[in-house]
Amino acid sequence: MQQKRFQRRKFCRFCADKVEFIDYKDIKTLRSYLTDRGKVIPRRMTGTCAKHQRELTESITMARNIALLAFVEK
Protein backbone atom coordinates (compact mmCIF):
# COMPACT_ATOMS: atom_id res chain seq x y z
CA MET A 1 0.00 0.00 0.00
CA GLN A 2 1.27 3.43 -0.92
CA GLN A 3 0.91 6.23 1.55
CA LYS A 4 0.01 9.72 0.44
CA ARG A 5 2.82 12.10 1.04
CA PHE A 6 1.83 15.44 2.55
CA GLN A 7 3.04 18.31 0.41
CA ARG A 8 3.05 21.85 1.71
CA ARG A 9 1.11 24.33 -0.38
CA LYS A 10 3.39 26.66 -2.29
CA PHE A 11 2.77 30.37 -1.92
CA CYS A 12 4.11 33.53 -3.47
CA ARG A 13 6.61 35.07 -1.09
CA PHE A 14 6.20 38.49 -2.69
CA CYS A 15 2.40 38.48 -2.27
CA ALA A 16 2.72 37.32 1.33
CA ASP A 17 5.14 40.15 2.16
CA LYS A 18 3.08 42.65 0.09
CA VAL A 19 6.10 43.73 -1.97
CA GLU A 20 5.37 46.75 -4.19
CA PHE A 21 8.04 45.90 -6.77
CA ILE A 22 11.03 43.57 -6.99
CA ASP A 23 14.23 45.59 -6.82
CA TYR A 24 16.95 44.62 -9.29
CA LYS A 25 19.59 45.84 -6.81
CA ASP A 26 18.54 43.27 -4.19
CA ILE A 27 21.03 40.61 -5.27
CA LYS A 28 20.51 38.38 -2.22
CA THR A 29 16.82 37.85 -3.08
CA LEU A 30 17.40 37.47 -6.81
CA ARG A 31 20.15 34.90 -6.34
CA SER A 32 17.78 32.63 -4.42
CA TYR A 33 15.67 32.33 -7.59
CA LEU A 34 18.60 31.18 -9.75
CA THR A 35 20.09 27.72 -10.15
CA ASP A 36 23.78 27.03 -9.64
CA ARG A 37 24.15 27.29 -13.43
CA GLY A 38 22.52 30.72 -13.55
CA LYS A 39 19.10 29.76 -14.89
CA VAL A 40 15.89 31.24 -13.50
CA ILE A 41 13.94 28.70 -11.42
CA PRO A 42 10.40 28.21 -12.82
CA ARG A 43 7.33 29.22 -10.85
CA ARG A 44 6.05 25.66 -10.52
CA MET A 45 9.09 25.01 -8.31
CA THR A 46 9.20 28.28 -6.37
CA GLY A 47 5.48 28.90 -6.01
CA THR A 48 5.57 32.54 -7.08
CA CYS A 49 2.50 33.92 -8.85
CA ALA A 50 2.59 34.75 -12.57
CA LYS A 51 2.73 38.51 -12.00
CA HIS A 52 5.71 38.34 -9.67
CA GLN A 53 7.48 35.70 -11.77
CA ARG A 54 7.42 38.08 -14.76
CA GLU A 55 8.67 40.92 -12.56
CA LEU A 56 11.37 38.67 -11.08
CA THR A 57 12.64 37.66 -14.53
CA GLU A 58 12.73 41.31 -15.59
CA SER A 59 14.70 42.27 -12.47
CA ILE A 60 17.20 39.44 -12.98
CA THR A 61 17.71 40.53 -16.59
CA MET A 62 18.32 44.14 -15.50
CA ALA A 63 20.79 43.05 -12.82
CA ARG A 64 22.66 40.94 -15.37
CA ASN A 65 22.83 43.78 -17.89
CA ILE A 66 24.49 46.15 -15.42
CA ALA A 67 26.79 43.37 -14.15
CA LEU A 68 25.34 42.90 -10.67
CA LEU A 69 24.62 39.24 -11.49
CA ALA A 70 26.61 36.93 -13.71
CA PHE A 71 24.99 35.42 -16.79
CA VAL A 72 26.64 32.06 -16.12
CA GLU A 73 28.16 30.73 -12.90
CA LYS A 74 31.52 28.98 -13.16
PDB file of N, CA and C in Angstrom:
ATOM      1  N   MET A   1       0.811  -1.186   0.000  1.00  0.00           N
ATOM      2  CA  MET A   1       0.000   0.000   0.000  1.00  0.00           C
ATOM      3  C   MET A   1       0.861   1.260   0.000  1.00  0.00           C
ATOM      4  N   GLN A   2       0.526   2.181  -0.874  1.00  0.00           N
ATOM      5  CA  GLN A   2       1.268   3.431  -0.924  1.00  0.00           C
ATOM      6  C   GLN A   2       0.610   4.455  -0.018  1.00  0.00           C
ATOM      7  N   GLN A   3       1.433   5.183   0.693  1.00  0.00           N
ATOM      8  CA  GLN A   3       0.906   6.233   1.545  1.00  0.00           C
ATOM      9  C   GLN A   3       0.980   7.562   0.809  1.00  0.00           C
ATOM     10  N   LYS A   4      -0.022   8.392   1.029  1.00  0.00           N
ATOM     11  CA  LYS A   4       0.010   9.717   0.436  1.00  0.00           C
ATOM     12  C   LYS A   4       1.019  10.571   1.191  1.00  0.00           C
ATOM     13  N   ARG A   5       1.830  11.234   0.437  1.00  0.00           N
ATOM     14  CA  ARG A   5       2.823  12.105   1.040  1.00  0.00           C
ATOM     15  C   ARG A   5       2.246  13.508   1.158  1.00  0.00           C
ATOM     16  N   PHE A   6       2.338  14.090   2.337  1.00  0.00           N
ATOM     17  CA  PHE A   6       1.830  15.443   2.553  1.00  0.00           C
ATOM     18  C   PHE A   6       2.779  16.437   1.913  1.00  0.00           C
ATOM     19  N   GLN A   7       2.224  17.299   1.058  1.00  0.00           N
ATOM     20  CA  GLN A   7       3.036  18.307   0.413  1.00  0.00           C
ATOM     21  C   GLN A   7       2.530  19.686   0.822  1.00  0.00           C
ATOM     22  N   ARG A   8       3.429  20.503   1.304  1.00  0.00           N
ATOM     23  CA  ARG A   8       3.049  21.854   1.711  1.00  0.00           C
ATOM     24  C   ARG A   8       2.605  22.665   0.511  1.00  0.00           C
ATOM     25  N   ARG A   9       1.598  23.479   0.699  1.00  0.00           N
ATOM     26  CA  ARG A   9       1.113  24.328  -0.381  1.00  0.00           C
ATOM     27  C   ARG A   9       2.131  25.430  -0.651  1.00  0.00           C
ATOM     28  N   LYS A  10       2.452  25.611  -1.909  1.00  0.00           N
ATOM     29  CA  LYS A  10       3.390  26.656  -2.289  1.00  0.00           C
ATOM     30  C   LYS A  10       2.664  27.995  -2.292  1.00  0.00           C
ATOM     31  N   PHE A  11       3.362  29.035  -1.928  1.00  0.00           N
ATOM     32  CA  PHE A  11       2.770  30.367  -1.920  1.00  0.00           C
ATOM     33  C   PHE A  11       3.780  31.369  -2.445  1.00  0.00           C
ATOM     34  N   CYS A  12       3.264  32.466  -2.938  1.00  0.00           N
ATOM     35  CA  CYS A  12       4.115  33.526  -3.469  1.00  0.00           C
ATOM     36  C   CYS A  12       4.671  34.344  -2.310  1.00  0.00           C
ATOM     37  N   ARG A  13       5.963  34.351  -2.187  1.00  0.00           N
ATOM     38  CA  ARG A  13       6.615  35.067  -1.092  1.00  0.00           C
ATOM     39  C   ARG A  13       6.420  36.577  -1.220  1.00  0.00           C
ATOM     40  N   PHE A  14       6.346  37.056  -2.457  1.00  0.00           N
ATOM     41  CA  PHE A  14       6.199  38.490  -2.693  1.00  0.00           C
ATOM     42  C   PHE A  14       4.788  38.961  -2.353  1.00  0.00           C
ATOM     43  N   CYS A  15       3.785  38.136  -2.639  1.00  0.00           N
ATOM     44  CA  CYS A  15       2.400  38.476  -2.270  1.00  0.00           C
ATOM     45  C   CYS A  15       2.223  38.434  -0.757  1.00  0.00           C
ATOM     46  N   ALA A  16       2.835  37.459  -0.113  1.00  0.00           N
ATOM     47  CA  ALA A  16       2.720  37.321   1.332  1.00  0.00           C
ATOM     48  C   ALA A  16       3.351  38.508   2.066  1.00  0.00           C
ATOM     49  N   ASP A  17       4.458  39.011   1.543  1.00  0.00           N
ATOM     50  CA  ASP A  17       5.145  40.149   2.156  1.00  0.00           C
ATOM     51  C   ASP A  17       4.617  41.490   1.650  1.00  0.00           C
ATOM     52  N   LYS A  18       3.677  41.449   0.700  1.00  0.00           N
ATOM     53  CA  LYS A  18       3.080  42.653   0.091  1.00  0.00           C
ATOM     54  C   LYS A  18       4.155  43.570  -0.499  1.00  0.00           C
ATOM     55  N   VAL A  19       5.013  42.989  -1.333  1.00  0.00           N
ATOM     56  CA  VAL A  19       6.097  43.729  -1.972  1.00  0.00           C
ATOM     57  C   VAL A  19       5.520  44.562  -3.111  1.00  0.00           C
ATOM     58  N   GLU A  20       5.857  45.859  -3.136  1.00  0.00           N
ATOM     59  CA  GLU A  20       5.371  46.752  -4.189  1.00  0.00           C
ATOM     60  C   GLU A  20       6.001  46.394  -5.541  1.00  0.00           C
ATOM     61  N   PHE A  21       7.320  46.287  -5.559  1.00  0.00           N
ATOM     62  CA  PHE A  21       8.045  45.900  -6.766  1.00  0.00           C
ATOM     63  C   PHE A  21       9.304  45.154  -6.361  1.00  0.00           C
ATOM     64  N   ILE A  22       9.818  44.355  -7.263  1.00  0.00           N
ATOM     65  CA  ILE A  22      11.029  43.571  -6.993  1.00  0.00           C
ATOM     66  C   ILE A  22      12.223  44.397  -7.453  1.00  0.00           C
ATOM     67  N   ASP A  23      13.096  44.726  -6.530  1.00  0.00           N
ATOM     68  CA  ASP A  23      14.227  45.594  -6.818  1.00  0.00           C
ATOM     69  C   ASP A  23      15.362  44.806  -7.468  1.00  0.00           C
ATOM     70  N   TYR A  24      15.862  45.309  -8.579  1.00  0.00           N
ATOM     71  CA  TYR A  24      16.948  44.624  -9.287  1.00  0.00           C
ATOM     72  C   TYR A  24      18.269  44.748  -8.543  1.00  0.00           C
ATOM     73  N   LYS A  25      18.355  45.662  -7.577  1.00  0.00           N
ATOM     74  CA  LYS A  25      19.591  45.835  -6.808  1.00  0.00           C
ATOM     75  C   LYS A  25      19.671  44.902  -5.606  1.00  0.00           C
ATOM     76  N   ASP A  26      18.586  44.203  -5.310  1.00  0.00           N
ATOM     77  CA  ASP A  26      18.543  43.271  -4.186  1.00  0.00           C
ATOM     78  C   ASP A  26      19.068  41.902  -4.642  1.00  0.00           C
ATOM     79  N   ILE A  27      20.371  41.785  -4.707  1.00  0.00           N
ATOM     80  CA  ILE A  27      21.032  40.605  -5.267  1.00  0.00           C
ATOM     81  C   ILE A  27      20.781  39.358  -4.424  1.00  0.00           C
ATOM     82  N   LYS A  28      20.708  39.524  -3.121  1.00  0.00           N
ATOM     83  CA  LYS A  28      20.505  38.377  -2.222  1.00  0.00           C
ATOM     84  C   LYS A  28      19.185  37.664  -2.543  1.00  0.00           C
ATOM     85  N   THR A  29      18.120  38.425  -2.746  1.00  0.00           N
ATOM     86  CA  THR A  29      16.819  37.850  -3.076  1.00  0.00           C
ATOM     87  C   THR A  29      16.828  37.237  -4.470  1.00  0.00           C
ATOM     88  N   LEU A  30      17.386  37.953  -5.418  1.00  0.00           N
ATOM     89  CA  LEU A  30      17.400  37.475  -6.809  1.00  0.00           C
ATOM     90  C   LEU A  30      18.199  36.182  -6.955  1.00  0.00           C
ATOM     91  N   ARG A  31      19.299  36.084  -6.229  1.00  0.00           N
ATOM     92  CA  ARG A  31      20.153  34.904  -6.340  1.00  0.00           C
ATOM     93  C   ARG A  31      19.459  33.638  -5.839  1.00  0.00           C
ATOM     94  N   SER A  32      18.503  33.799  -4.927  1.00  0.00           N
ATOM     95  CA  SER A  32      17.785  32.630  -4.420  1.00  0.00           C
ATOM     96  C   SER A  32      16.818  32.057  -5.458  1.00  0.00           C
ATOM     97  N   TYR A  33      16.542  32.807  -6.513  1.00  0.00           N
ATOM     98  CA  TYR A  33      15.670  32.332  -7.587  1.00  0.00           C
ATOM     99  C   TYR A  33      16.460  31.904  -8.821  1.00  0.00           C
ATOM    100  N   LEU A  34      17.749  31.663  -8.659  1.00  0.00           N
ATOM    101  CA  LEU A  34      18.604  31.182  -9.748  1.00  0.00           C
ATOM    102  C   LEU A  34      19.195  29.824  -9.379  1.00  0.00           C
ATOM    103  N   THR A  35      19.427  28.995 -10.388  1.00  0.00           N
ATOM    104  CA  THR A  35      20.087  27.718 -10.151  1.00  0.00           C
ATOM    105  C   THR A  35      21.583  27.951 -10.037  1.00  0.00           C
ATOM    106  N   ASP A  36      22.323  26.900  -9.731  1.00  0.00           N
ATOM    107  CA  ASP A  36      23.778  27.028  -9.641  1.00  0.00           C
ATOM    108  C   ASP A  36      24.405  27.297 -11.008  1.00  0.00           C
ATOM    109  N   ARG A  37      23.662  27.014 -12.073  1.00  0.00           N
ATOM    110  CA  ARG A  37      24.149  27.292 -13.432  1.00  0.00           C
ATOM    111  C   ARG A  37      23.757  28.676 -13.926  1.00  0.00           C
ATOM    112  N   GLY A  38      22.914  29.372 -13.163  1.00  0.00           N
ATOM    113  CA  GLY A  38      22.523  30.724 -13.548  1.00  0.00           C
ATOM    114  C   GLY A  38      21.177  30.816 -14.234  1.00  0.00           C
ATOM    115  N   LYS A  39      20.420  29.730 -14.265  1.00  0.00           N
ATOM    116  CA  LYS A  39      19.099  29.757 -14.891  1.00  0.00           C
ATOM    117  C   LYS A  39      18.045  30.191 -13.874  1.00  0.00           C
ATOM    118  N   VAL A  40      16.978  30.812 -14.369  1.00  0.00           N
ATOM    119  CA  VAL A  40      15.887  31.243 -13.499  1.00  0.00           C
ATOM    120  C   VAL A  40      15.038  30.019 -13.153  1.00  0.00           C
ATOM    121  N   ILE A  41      14.748  29.841 -11.864  1.00  0.00           N
ATOM    122  CA  ILE A  41      13.944  28.703 -11.418  1.00  0.00           C
ATOM    123  C   ILE A  41      12.484  28.968 -11.789  1.00  0.00           C
ATOM    124  N   PRO A  42      11.786  27.990 -12.392  1.00  0.00           N
ATOM    125  CA  PRO A  42      10.401  28.207 -12.824  1.00  0.00           C
ATOM    126  C   PRO A  42       9.440  28.354 -11.650  1.00  0.00           C
ATOM    127  N   ARG A  43       8.282  28.939 -11.924  1.00  0.00           N
ATOM    128  CA  ARG A  43       7.326  29.224 -10.851  1.00  0.00           C
ATOM    129  C   ARG A  43       6.664  27.980 -10.300  1.00  0.00           C
ATOM    130  N   ARG A  44       6.628  26.900 -11.053  1.00  0.00           N
ATOM    131  CA  ARG A  44       6.049  25.660 -10.523  1.00  0.00           C
ATOM    132  C   ARG A  44       6.922  25.074  -9.416  1.00  0.00           C
ATOM    133  N   MET A  45       8.192  25.462  -9.375  1.00  0.00           N
ATOM    134  CA  MET A  45       9.090  25.007  -8.309  1.00  0.00           C
ATOM    135  C   MET A  45       9.144  25.988  -7.143  1.00  0.00           C
ATOM    136  N   THR A  46       9.083  27.279  -7.430  1.00  0.00           N
ATOM    137  CA  THR A  46       9.201  28.281  -6.371  1.00  0.00           C
ATOM    138  C   THR A  46       7.867  28.647  -5.754  1.00  0.00           C
ATOM    139  N   GLY A  47       6.796  28.564  -6.531  1.00  0.00           N
ATOM    140  CA  GLY A  47       5.478  28.901  -6.013  1.00  0.00           C
ATOM    141  C   GLY A  47       5.106  30.363  -6.177  1.00  0.00           C
ATOM    142  N   THR A  48       5.922  31.140  -6.884  1.00  0.00           N
ATOM    143  CA  THR A  48       5.571  32.543  -7.084  1.00  0.00           C
ATOM    144  C   THR A  48       4.409  32.655  -8.070  1.00  0.00           C
ATOM    145  N   CYS A  49       3.633  33.720  -7.937  1.00  0.00           N
ATOM    146  CA  CYS A  49       2.502  33.917  -8.849  1.00  0.00           C
ATOM    147  C   CYS A  49       3.027  34.421 -10.192  1.00  0.00           C
ATOM    148  N   ALA A  50       2.177  34.399 -11.208  1.00  0.00           N
ATOM    149  CA  ALA A  50       2.590  34.755 -12.565  1.00  0.00           C
ATOM    150  C   ALA A  50       3.076  36.203 -12.649  1.00  0.00           C
ATOM    151  N   LYS A  51       2.365  37.093 -11.970  1.00  0.00           N
ATOM    152  CA  LYS A  51       2.725  38.515 -12.001  1.00  0.00           C
ATOM    153  C   LYS A  51       4.129  38.733 -11.442  1.00  0.00           C
ATOM    154  N   HIS A  52       4.408  38.137 -10.299  1.00  0.00           N
ATOM    155  CA  HIS A  52       5.714  38.335  -9.673  1.00  0.00           C
ATOM    156  C   HIS A  52       6.813  37.551 -10.380  1.00  0.00           C
ATOM    157  N   GLN A  53       6.477  36.447 -11.018  1.00  0.00           N
ATOM    158  CA  GLN A  53       7.485  35.701 -11.772  1.00  0.00           C
ATOM    159  C   GLN A  53       7.969  36.523 -12.964  1.00  0.00           C
ATOM    160  N   ARG A  54       7.034  37.201 -13.636  1.00  0.00           N
ATOM    161  CA  ARG A  54       7.423  38.076 -14.757  1.00  0.00           C
ATOM    162  C   ARG A  54       8.290  39.225 -14.257  1.00  0.00           C
ATOM    163  N   GLU A  55       7.906  39.815 -13.130  1.00  0.00           N
ATOM    164  CA  GLU A  55       8.671  40.916 -12.559  1.00  0.00           C
ATOM    165  C   GLU A  55      10.049  40.446 -12.097  1.00  0.00           C
ATOM    166  N   LEU A  56      10.110  39.252 -11.550  1.00  0.00           N
ATOM    167  CA  LEU A  56      11.365  38.670 -11.083  1.00  0.00           C
ATOM    168  C   LEU A  56      12.330  38.453 -12.257  1.00  0.00           C
ATOM    169  N   THR A  57      11.815  37.899 -13.339  1.00  0.00           N
ATOM    170  CA  THR A  57      12.637  37.658 -14.530  1.00  0.00           C
ATOM    171  C   THR A  57      13.172  38.969 -15.090  1.00  0.00           C
ATOM    172  N   GLU A  58      12.324  39.990 -15.098  1.00  0.00           N
ATOM    173  CA  GLU A  58      12.729  41.309 -15.586  1.00  0.00           C
ATOM    174  C   GLU A  58      13.831  41.898 -14.705  1.00  0.00           C
ATOM    175  N   SER A  59      13.698  41.746 -13.398  1.00  0.00           N
ATOM    176  CA  SER A  59      14.699  42.268 -12.465  1.00  0.00           C
ATOM    177  C   SER A  59      16.028  41.530 -12.600  1.00  0.00           C
ATOM    178  N   ILE A  60      15.969  40.223 -12.789  1.00  0.00           N
ATOM    179  CA  ILE A  60      17.197  39.436 -12.977  1.00  0.00           C
ATOM    180  C   ILE A  60      17.905  39.860 -14.257  1.00  0.00           C
ATOM    181  N   THR A  61      17.135  40.090 -15.318  1.00  0.00           N
ATOM    182  CA  THR A  61      17.713  40.535 -16.587  1.00  0.00           C
ATOM    183  C   THR A  61      18.382  41.899 -16.431  1.00  0.00           C
ATOM    184  N   MET A  62      17.724  42.815 -15.727  1.00  0.00           N
ATOM    185  CA  MET A  62      18.316  44.142 -15.497  1.00  0.00           C
ATOM    186  C   MET A  62      19.608  44.034 -14.690  1.00  0.00           C
ATOM    187  N   ALA A  63      19.596  43.213 -13.660  1.00  0.00           N
ATOM    188  CA  ALA A  63      20.789  43.045 -12.818  1.00  0.00           C
ATOM    189  C   ALA A  63      21.942  42.432 -13.609  1.00  0.00           C
ATOM    190  N   ARG A  64      21.614  41.539 -14.525  1.00  0.00           N
ATOM    191  CA  ARG A  64      22.660  40.941 -15.366  1.00  0.00           C
ATOM    192  C   ARG A  64      23.233  41.965 -16.332  1.00  0.00           C
ATOM    193  N   ASN A  65      22.377  42.805 -16.900  1.00  0.00           N
ATOM    194  CA  ASN A  65      22.834  43.782 -17.889  1.00  0.00           C
ATOM    195  C   ASN A  65      23.749  44.848 -17.292  1.00  0.00           C
ATOM    196  N   ILE A  66      23.577  45.166 -16.020  1.00  0.00           N
ATOM    197  CA  ILE A  66      24.488  46.147 -15.417  1.00  0.00           C
ATOM    198  C   ILE A  66      25.534  45.462 -14.535  1.00  0.00           C
ATOM    199  N   ALA A  67      25.705  44.158 -14.747  1.00  0.00           N
ATOM    200  CA  ALA A  67      26.788  43.371 -14.153  1.00  0.00           C
ATOM    201  C   ALA A  67      26.701  43.211 -12.639  1.00  0.00           C
ATOM    202  N   LEU A  68      25.487  43.217 -12.085  1.00  0.00           N
ATOM    203  CA  LEU A  68      25.336  42.899 -10.667  1.00  0.00           C
ATOM    204  C   LEU A  68      25.253  41.381 -10.475  1.00  0.00           C
ATOM    205  N   LEU A  69      24.700  40.698 -11.482  1.00  0.00           N
ATOM    206  CA  LEU A  69      24.618  39.238 -11.487  1.00  0.00           C
ATOM    207  C   LEU A  69      25.357  38.726 -12.713  1.00  0.00           C
ATOM    208  N   ALA A  70      25.931  37.554 -12.581  1.00  0.00           N
ATOM    209  CA  ALA A  70      26.610  36.930 -13.715  1.00  0.00           C
ATOM    210  C   ALA A  70      25.589  36.217 -14.599  1.00  0.00           C
ATOM    211  N   PHE A  71      25.859  36.158 -15.885  1.00  0.00           N
ATOM    212  CA  PHE A  71      24.985  35.416 -16.794  1.00  0.00           C
ATOM    213  C   PHE A  71      25.127  33.914 -16.568  1.00  0.00           C
ATOM    214  N   VAL A  72      26.362  33.467 -16.321  1.00  0.00           N
ATOM    215  CA  VAL A  72      26.638  32.061 -16.115  1.00  0.00           C
ATOM    216  C   VAL A  72      27.577  31.928 -14.919  1.00  0.00           C
ATOM    217  N   GLU A  73      27.276  30.988 -14.038  1.00  0.00           N
ATOM    218  CA  GLU A  73      28.161  30.732 -12.904  1.00  0.00           C
ATOM    219  C   GLU A  73      29.240  29.751 -13.337  1.00  0.00           C
ATOM    220  N   LYS A  74      30.428  29.874 -12.780  1.00  0.00           N
ATOM    221  CA  LYS A  74      31.523  28.977 -13.158  1.00  0.00           C
ATOM    222  C   LYS A  74      31.439  27.673 -12.414  1.00  0.00           C
TER     223      LYS A  74
END
